[in-house]
C-alpha cells in the first residue's frame, strides 16, 4: 500500500500516534482521536484558539475545531484503509478522465509510452484507465514523504510540541488552498473525509501544475509526466 508505512512512521515518531502501528491499527476511531488529542498546541494554532474566548470570533473557533476533527478522521482513514495517497490520486483522475473517449484514452496512453511512462490498462475504459494511471503515479512519483521538509525537524520540549501540532495547521492551510484552487477536487476529497490529508501530496500537484492547466489530452499527458518525473 503506497507510502502507508512511511506516513504512519512519521506520525508515530512525532507522537501523533502514541502506540506501535500494530496496536494502532486495531484501535477504534475514538482511540485515534484520543492519541491526537495528546498533541500540544502549535503557536499559530494556539493563537487562533484564543478566539474561543471572544464572542466576536466564535466562527473562527468553530472552524478550527472542525479542522481538528476532520484531521482525526483523515488519520483514521489512513489506519483503516492504508492507501490514502493512491485514493486521493484516484479521486483526482476520476474527474480528469470522466468524459474522455476510448480513442482519447488510447492517445494519452501511447503518448505516455513514448516518453517511457507505461500505463498498465488492458481495457481502455474510464474507470480502468483511472485506476491504472493512479497506480502508475503512486508507484513512480518522486514524492518526498520526509515530513521535515514540510513542517520542520522534530525538536525537544515546548518547541517540539508546538511543531508537532503544527502538522494539523499545515494540513488545514493546505486544505484551505485546495478549496479555492480546485473546489471540485476539494469537495470530492471532503466527501471521503480526506481533504485534511491533501497536504501529503500537495507538493506533487504544485510541481505538476495540475490546477494551472486544463484537461485537454496534451495537458493531461504533461501533468502525468511531471507527477512521475
C-alpha atoms as a PDB file:
ATOM      1  CA  UNK A   1       0.000   0.000   0.000  1.00  0.00           C
ATOM      2  CA  UNK A   2       1.593   3.136  -1.337  1.00  0.00           C
ATOM      3  CA  UNK A   3       3.553   5.093   1.283  1.00  0.00           C
ATOM      4  CA  UNK A   4       1.335   3.974   4.172  1.00  0.00           C
ATOM      5  CA  UNK A   5       4.232   2.806   6.321  1.00  0.00           C
ATOM      6  CA  UNK A   6       6.242   5.982   5.643  1.00  0.00           C
ATOM      7  CA  UNK A   7       3.366   8.245   6.636  1.00  0.00           C
ATOM      8  CA  UNK A   8       2.432   6.289   9.749  1.00  0.00           C
ATOM      9  CA  UNK A   9       6.077   6.025  10.794  1.00  0.00           C
ATOM     10  CA  UNK A  10       6.398   9.773  10.678  1.00  0.00           C
ATOM     11  CA  UNK A  11       3.177  10.319  12.615  1.00  0.00           C
ATOM     12  CA  UNK A  12       4.383   7.850  15.223  1.00  0.00           C
ATOM     13  CA  UNK A  13       7.842   9.387  15.531  1.00  0.00           C
ATOM     14  CA  UNK A  14       6.261  12.745  16.274  1.00  0.00           C
ATOM     15  CA  UNK A  15       3.906  11.309  18.895  1.00  0.00           C
ATOM     16  CA  UNK A  16       0.750  11.827  16.854  1.00  0.00           C
ATOM     17  CA  UNK A  17       0.169   8.135  17.323  1.00  0.00           C
ATOM     18  CA  UNK A  18       1.346   7.060  20.727  1.00  0.00           C
ATOM     19  CA  UNK A  19       1.409   3.287  20.254  1.00  0.00           C
ATOM     20  CA  UNK A  20       3.017   0.976  17.746  1.00  0.00           C
ATOM     21  CA  UNK A  21       1.404   0.515  14.349  1.00  0.00           C
ATOM     22  CA  UNK A  22       0.051  -2.961  15.076  1.00  0.00           C
ATOM     23  CA  UNK A  23      -1.744  -1.649  18.151  1.00  0.00           C
ATOM     24  CA  UNK A  24      -2.984   1.477  16.429  1.00  0.00           C
ATOM     25  CA  UNK A  25      -4.500  -0.399  13.511  1.00  0.00           C
ATOM     26  CA  UNK A  26      -6.665  -2.466  15.841  1.00  0.00           C
ATOM     27  CA  UNK A  27      -7.839   0.641  17.685  1.00  0.00           C
ATOM     28  CA  UNK A  28     -11.094   2.488  17.172  1.00  0.00           C
ATOM     29  CA  UNK A  29     -11.695   5.983  15.879  1.00  0.00           C
ATOM     30  CA  UNK A  30     -12.141   7.129  19.480  1.00  0.00           C
ATOM     31  CA  UNK A  31      -8.730   5.725  20.368  1.00  0.00           C
ATOM     32  CA  UNK A  32      -7.036   7.524  17.500  1.00  0.00           C
ATOM     33  CA  UNK A  33      -8.833  10.725  18.420  1.00  0.00           C
ATOM     34  CA  UNK A  34      -7.566  10.381  21.970  1.00  0.00           C
ATOM     35  CA  UNK A  35      -3.997   9.999  20.760  1.00  0.00           C
ATOM     36  CA  UNK A  36      -4.287  13.052  18.553  1.00  0.00           C
ATOM     37  CA  UNK A  37      -5.701  14.984  21.499  1.00  0.00           C
ATOM     38  CA  UNK A  38      -2.308  14.480  23.152  1.00  0.00           C
ATOM     39  CA  UNK A  39      -0.678  16.744  20.570  1.00  0.00           C
ATOM     40  CA  UNK A  40       0.355  20.081  22.023  1.00  0.00           C
ATOM     41  CA  UNK A  41      -0.939  23.319  20.520  1.00  0.00           C
ATOM     42  CA  UNK A  42       1.353  24.908  17.960  1.00  0.00           C
ATOM     43  CA  UNK A  43       1.956  28.596  18.467  1.00  0.00           C
ATOM     44  CA  UNK A  44      -0.080  29.726  15.492  1.00  0.00           C
ATOM     45  CA  UNK A  45      -2.943  27.385  16.145  1.00  0.00           C
ATOM     46  CA  UNK A  46      -2.929  28.255  19.824  1.00  0.00           C
ATOM     47  CA  UNK A  47      -3.223  31.908  18.884  1.00  0.00           C
ATOM     48  CA  UNK A  48      -6.245  31.106  16.750  1.00  0.00           C
ATOM     49  CA  UNK A  49      -7.791  29.261  19.658  1.00  0.00           C
ATOM     50  CA  UNK A  50      -7.790  32.430  21.726  1.00  0.00           C
ATOM     51  CA  UNK A  51     -10.760  33.418  19.566  1.00  0.00           C
ATOM     52  CA  UNK A  52     -12.792  30.911  21.540  1.00  0.00           C
ATOM     53  CA  UNK A  53     -12.748  33.351  24.471  1.00  0.00           C
ATOM     54  CA  UNK A  54     -14.414  36.126  22.493  1.00  0.00           C
ATOM     55  CA  UNK A  55     -17.968  36.220  21.230  1.00  0.00           C
ATOM     56  CA  UNK A  56     -16.986  38.018  18.027  1.00  0.00           C
ATOM     57  CA  UNK A  57     -14.752  35.214  16.717  1.00  0.00           C
ATOM     58  CA  UNK A  58     -16.723  32.101  17.558  1.00  0.00           C
ATOM     59  CA  UNK A  59     -16.839  31.289  13.852  1.00  0.00           C
ATOM     60  CA  UNK A  60     -13.028  31.075  13.796  1.00  0.00           C
ATOM     61  CA  UNK A  61     -13.067  28.861  16.853  1.00  0.00           C
ATOM     62  CA  UNK A  62     -15.734  26.614  15.350  1.00  0.00           C
ATOM     63  CA  UNK A  63     -13.816  26.309  12.078  1.00  0.00           C
ATOM     64  CA  UNK A  64     -10.608  25.313  13.828  1.00  0.00           C
ATOM     65  CA  UNK A  65     -12.326  22.706  15.972  1.00  0.00           C
ATOM     66  CA  UNK A  66     -13.926  21.291  12.849  1.00  0.00           C
ATOM     67  CA  UNK A  67     -10.482  21.112  11.168  1.00  0.00           C
ATOM     68  CA  UNK A  68      -9.137  19.179  14.148  1.00  0.00           C
ATOM     69  CA  UNK A  69     -11.979  16.674  13.873  1.00  0.00           C
ATOM     70  CA  UNK A  70     -11.518  16.373  10.128  1.00  0.00           C
ATOM     71  CA  UNK A  71      -7.777  15.746  10.599  1.00  0.00           C
ATOM     72  CA  UNK A  72      -8.573  12.991  13.068  1.00  0.00           C
ATOM     73  CA  UNK A  73     -10.933  11.397  10.570  1.00  0.00           C
ATOM     74  CA  UNK A  74      -8.240  11.543   7.907  1.00  0.00           C
ATOM     75  CA  UNK A  75      -5.809   9.695  10.172  1.00  0.00           C
ATOM     76  CA  UNK A  76      -8.483   7.121  10.987  1.00  0.00           C
ATOM     77  CA  UNK A  77      -8.989   6.602   7.247  1.00  0.00           C
ATOM     78  CA  UNK A  78      -5.236   6.138   6.826  1.00  0.00           C
ATOM     79  CA  UNK A  79      -5.120   3.498   9.548  1.00  0.00           C
ATOM     80  CA  UNK A  80      -8.183   1.648   8.342  1.00  0.00           C
ATOM     81  CA  UNK A  81      -7.585   1.742   4.571  1.00  0.00           C
ATOM     82  CA  UNK A  82      -3.883   2.497   4.153  1.00  0.00           C
ATOM     83  CA  UNK A  83      -3.918   3.596   0.517  1.00  0.00           C
ATOM     84  CA  UNK A  84      -4.524   7.253   1.283  1.00  0.00           C
ATOM     85  CA  UNK A  85      -2.084   8.552  -1.362  1.00  0.00           C
ATOM     86  CA  UNK A  86      -3.464   6.242  -4.035  1.00  0.00           C
ATOM     87  CA  UNK A  87      -7.058   7.017  -3.082  1.00  0.00           C
ATOM     88  CA  UNK A  88      -6.531  10.779  -3.338  1.00  0.00           C
ATOM     89  CA  UNK A  89      -4.883  10.357  -6.731  1.00  0.00           C
ATOM     90  CA  UNK A  90      -7.692   8.089  -7.907  1.00  0.00           C
ATOM     91  CA  UNK A  91     -10.283  10.696  -6.948  1.00  0.00           C
ATOM     92  CA  UNK A  92      -8.363  13.311  -8.950  1.00  0.00           C
ATOM     93  CA  UNK A  93      -8.016  11.183 -12.062  1.00  0.00           C
ATOM     94  CA  UNK A  94     -11.644  10.079 -11.913  1.00  0.00           C
ATOM     95  CA  UNK A  95     -12.594  13.673 -12.613  1.00  0.00           C
ATOM     96  CA  UNK A  96      -9.886  14.114 -15.252  1.00  0.00           C
ATOM     97  CA  UNK A  97     -10.914  11.074 -17.314  1.00  0.00           C
ATOM     98  CA  UNK A  98     -14.644  11.267 -16.692  1.00  0.00           C
ATOM     99  CA  UNK A  99     -15.585  12.435 -20.189  1.00  0.00           C
ATOM    100  CA  UNK A 100     -12.708  11.034 -22.220  1.00  0.00           C
ATOM    101  CA  UNK A 101     -13.499   8.677 -25.077  1.00  0.00           C
ATOM    102  CA  UNK A 102     -11.698   5.386 -25.641  1.00  0.00           C
ATOM    103  CA  UNK A 103      -9.859   6.990 -28.551  1.00  0.00           C
ATOM    104  CA  UNK A 104      -8.618   9.821 -26.333  1.00  0.00           C
ATOM    105  CA  UNK A 105      -7.508   7.381 -23.647  1.00  0.00           C
ATOM    106  CA  UNK A 106      -5.632   5.357 -26.253  1.00  0.00           C
ATOM    107  CA  UNK A 107      -3.906   8.520 -27.492  1.00  0.00           C
ATOM    108  CA  UNK A 108      -2.901   9.515 -23.959  1.00  0.00           C
ATOM    109  CA  UNK A 109      -1.588   6.027 -23.243  1.00  0.00           C
ATOM    110  CA  UNK A 110       0.510   5.922 -26.439  1.00  0.00           C
ATOM    111  CA  UNK A 111       1.950   9.392 -25.869  1.00  0.00           C
ATOM    112  CA  UNK A 112       2.916   8.438 -22.339  1.00  0.00           C
ATOM    113  CA  UNK A 113       4.551   5.227 -23.546  1.00  0.00           C
ATOM    114  CA  UNK A 114       6.587   7.318 -25.992  1.00  0.00           C
ATOM    115  CA  UNK A 115       8.203   9.059 -23.004  1.00  0.00           C
ATOM    116  CA  UNK A 116       8.674   5.788 -21.103  1.00  0.00           C
ATOM    117  CA  UNK A 117       5.599   6.112 -18.891  1.00  0.00           C
ATOM    118  CA  UNK A 118       3.747   2.808 -19.116  1.00  0.00           C
ATOM    119  CA  UNK A 119       0.121   2.580 -18.047  1.00  0.00           C
ATOM    120  CA  UNK A 120      -0.994  -0.983 -17.313  1.00  0.00           C
ATOM    121  CA  UNK A 121      -4.529  -0.702 -18.650  1.00  0.00           C
ATOM    122  CA  UNK A 122      -5.556  -3.519 -20.991  1.00  0.00           C
ATOM    123  CA  UNK A 123      -9.092  -2.279 -21.461  1.00  0.00           C
ATOM    124  CA  UNK A 124      -9.393   1.449 -22.070  1.00  0.00           C
ATOM    125  CA  UNK A 125     -12.454   2.302 -20.041  1.00  0.00           C
ATOM    126  CA  UNK A 126     -12.609   5.464 -17.978  1.00  0.00           C
ATOM    127  CA  UNK A 127     -12.684   3.537 -14.701  1.00  0.00           C
ATOM    128  CA  UNK A 128      -9.912   1.125 -15.673  1.00  0.00           C
ATOM    129  CA  UNK A 129      -7.665   3.856 -17.014  1.00  0.00           C
ATOM    130  CA  UNK A 130      -8.216   5.928 -13.859  1.00  0.00           C
ATOM    131  CA  UNK A 131      -7.069   3.067 -11.643  1.00  0.00           C
ATOM    132  CA  UNK A 132      -4.075   2.314 -13.853  1.00  0.00           C
ATOM    133  CA  UNK A 133      -2.872   5.930 -14.005  1.00  0.00           C
ATOM    134  CA  UNK A 134      -3.378   6.452 -10.267  1.00  0.00           C
ATOM    135  CA  UNK A 135      -1.306   3.333  -9.607  1.00  0.00           C
ATOM    136  CA  UNK A 136       1.428   4.387 -12.033  1.00  0.00           C
ATOM    137  CA  UNK A 137       1.712   7.831 -10.451  1.00  0.00           C
ATOM    138  CA  UNK A 138       1.621   6.471  -6.901  1.00  0.00           C
ATOM    139  CA  UNK A 139       4.377   3.968  -7.696  1.00  0.00           C
ATOM    140  CA  UNK A 140       6.549   6.184  -9.857  1.00  0.00           C
ATOM    141  CA  UNK A 141       6.148   9.642  -8.402  1.00  0.00           C
ATOM    142  CA  UNK A 142       9.042  11.374  -6.742  1.00  0.00           C
ATOM    143  CA  UNK A 143       7.054  12.401  -3.685  1.00  0.00           C
ATOM    144  CA  UNK A 144       9.178  13.083  -0.636  1.00  0.00           C
ATOM    145  CA  UNK A 145       7.478  11.812   2.483  1.00  0.00           C
ATOM    146  CA  UNK A 146      10.237  13.210   4.631  1.00  0.00           C
ATOM    147  CA  UNK A 147       7.835  15.360   6.585  1.00  0.00           C
ATOM    148  CA  UNK A 148      10.610  17.502   7.983  1.00  0.00           C
ATOM    149  CA  UNK A 149      10.671  19.175   4.576  1.00  0.00           C
ATOM    150  CA  UNK A 150       7.092  20.259   5.144  1.00  0.00           C
ATOM    151  CA  UNK A 151       6.964  21.087   8.818  1.00  0.00           C
ATOM    152  CA  UNK A 152      10.500  21.187  10.193  1.00  0.00           C
ATOM    153  CA  UNK A 153      12.526  18.726  12.202  1.00  0.00           C
ATOM    154  CA  UNK A 154      11.293  17.367  15.481  1.00  0.00           C
ATOM    155  CA  UNK A 155      12.767  19.260  18.410  1.00  0.00           C
ATOM    156  CA  UNK A 156      12.638  18.836  22.148  1.00  0.00           C
ATOM    157  CA  UNK A 157      10.466  20.462  24.783  1.00  0.00           C
ATOM    158  CA  UNK A 158       7.890  23.124  24.179  1.00  0.00           C
ATOM    159  CA  UNK A 159       9.156  23.965  20.695  1.00  0.00           C
ATOM    160  CA  UNK A 160       8.818  20.311  19.728  1.00  0.00           C
ATOM    161  CA  UNK A 161       5.248  20.153  20.999  1.00  0.00           C
ATOM    162  CA  UNK A 162       4.323  23.256  19.041  1.00  0.00           C
ATOM    163  CA  UNK A 163       5.914  21.788  15.924  1.00  0.00           C
ATOM    164  CA  UNK A 164       4.016  18.535  16.304  1.00  0.00           C
ATOM    165  CA  UNK A 165       0.631  20.206  16.477  1.00  0.00           C
ATOM    166  CA  UNK A 166       1.773  22.413  13.641  1.00  0.00           C
ATOM    167  CA  UNK A 167       1.139  19.430  11.361  1.00  0.00           C
ATOM    168  CA  UNK A 168      -2.576  19.988  11.831  1.00  0.00           C
ATOM    169  CA  UNK A 169      -2.128  23.674  10.995  1.00  0.00           C
ATOM    170  CA  UNK A 170      -0.179  22.801   7.842  1.00  0.00           C
ATOM    171  CA  UNK A 171      -2.910  20.357   6.857  1.00  0.00           C
ATOM    172  CA  UNK A 172      -5.593  22.994   7.415  1.00  0.00           C
ATOM    173  CA  UNK A 173      -3.745  25.609   5.359  1.00  0.00           C
ATOM    174  CA  UNK A 174      -3.206  23.107   2.548  1.00  0.00           C
ATOM    175  CA  UNK A 175      -6.903  22.170   2.531  1.00  0.00           C
ATOM    176  CA  UNK A 176      -7.814  25.871   2.501  1.00  0.00           C
ATOM    177  CA  UNK A 177      -5.637  26.483  -0.561  1.00  0.00           C
ATOM    178  CA  UNK A 178      -7.155  23.491  -2.320  1.00  0.00           C
ATOM    179  CA  UNK A 179     -10.666  24.736  -1.536  1.00  0.00           C
ATOM    180  CA  UNK A 180     -10.045  27.887  -3.558  1.00  0.00           C
ATOM    181  CA  UNK A 181      -7.709  26.456  -6.189  1.00  0.00           C
ATOM    182  CA  UNK A 182      -9.699  23.330  -7.097  1.00  0.00           C
ATOM    183  CA  UNK A 183     -13.109  23.407  -5.367  1.00  0.00           C
ATOM    184  CA  UNK A 184     -14.425  20.336  -7.186  1.00  0.00           C
ATOM    185  CA  UNK A 185     -11.462  18.221  -6.116  1.00  0.00           C
ATOM    186  CA  UNK A 186     -11.706  19.605  -2.587  1.00  0.00           C
ATOM    187  CA  UNK A 187     -15.377  18.648  -2.448  1.00  0.00           C
ATOM    188  CA  UNK A 188     -14.604  15.135  -3.667  1.00  0.00           C
ATOM    189  CA  UNK A 189     -11.909  14.690  -1.010  1.00  0.00           C
ATOM    190  CA  UNK A 190     -14.161  16.187   1.668  1.00  0.00           C
ATOM    191  CA  UNK A 191     -16.859  13.656   0.857  1.00  0.00           C
ATOM    192  CA  UNK A 192     -14.335  10.902   1.642  1.00  0.00           C
ATOM    193  CA  UNK A 193     -13.014  12.729   4.747  1.00  0.00           C
ATOM    194  CA  UNK A 194      -9.621  13.131   3.084  1.00  0.00           C
ATOM    195  CA  UNK A 195      -9.250  16.875   2.479  1.00  0.00           C
ATOM    196  CA  UNK A 196      -7.055  17.278   5.581  1.00  0.00           C
ATOM    197  CA  UNK A 197      -4.690  14.641   4.193  1.00  0.00           C
ATOM    198  CA  UNK A 198      -4.151  16.594   0.965  1.00  0.00           C
ATOM    199  CA  UNK A 199      -1.043  18.244   2.449  1.00  0.00           C
ATOM    200  CA  UNK A 200       0.740  14.911   1.942  1.00  0.00           C
ATOM    201  CA  UNK A 201       0.506  15.207  -1.837  1.00  0.00           C
ATOM    202  CA  UNK A 202       0.200  18.964  -2.324  1.00  0.00           C
ATOM    203  CA  UNK A 203       3.872  19.284  -3.439  1.00  0.00           C
ATOM    204  CA  UNK A 204       3.127  16.790  -6.214  1.00  0.00           C
ATOM    205  CA  UNK A 205       0.229  18.881  -7.526  1.00  0.00           C
ATOM    206  CA  UNK A 206       2.237  22.090  -7.268  1.00  0.00           C
ATOM    207  CA  UNK A 207       5.168  20.571  -9.163  1.00  0.00           C
ATOM    208  CA  UNK A 208       2.946  19.219 -11.925  1.00  0.00           C
ATOM    209  CA  UNK A 209       0.930  22.457 -12.100  1.00  0.00           C
ATOM    210  CA  UNK A 210      -2.155  20.264 -12.174  1.00  0.00           C
ATOM    211  CA  UNK A 211      -4.537  23.088 -11.318  1.00  0.00           C
ATOM    212  CA  UNK A 212      -2.942  25.671 -13.600  1.00  0.00           C
ATOM    213  CA  UNK A 213      -3.615  23.650 -16.712  1.00  0.00           C
ATOM    214  CA  UNK A 214      -6.793  22.462 -18.367  1.00  0.00           C
ATOM    215  CA  UNK A 215      -7.864  18.919 -19.117  1.00  0.00           C
ATOM    216  CA  UNK A 216      -7.009  18.624 -22.803  1.00  0.00           C
ATOM    217  CA  UNK A 217      -5.260  15.409 -23.808  1.00  0.00           C
ATOM    218  CA  UNK A 218      -1.932  17.200 -24.202  1.00  0.00           C
ATOM    219  CA  UNK A 219      -2.235  18.955 -20.836  1.00  0.00           C
ATOM    220  CA  UNK A 220      -3.148  15.732 -19.046  1.00  0.00           C
ATOM    221  CA  UNK A 221      -0.136  13.982 -20.558  1.00  0.00           C
ATOM    222  CA  UNK A 222       2.156  16.731 -19.306  1.00  0.00           C
ATOM    223  CA  UNK A 223       0.628  16.639 -15.827  1.00  0.00           C
ATOM    224  CA  UNK A 224       1.139  12.877 -15.511  1.00  0.00           C
ATOM    225  CA  UNK A 225       4.718  13.120 -16.807  1.00  0.00           C
ATOM    226  CA  UNK A 226       5.556  15.858 -14.271  1.00  0.00           C
ATOM    227  CA  UNK A 227       3.971  13.887 -11.441  1.00  0.00           C
ATOM    228  CA  UNK A 228       6.138  10.877 -12.169  1.00  0.00           C
ATOM    229  CA  UNK A 229       9.395  12.643 -13.124  1.00  0.00           C
END
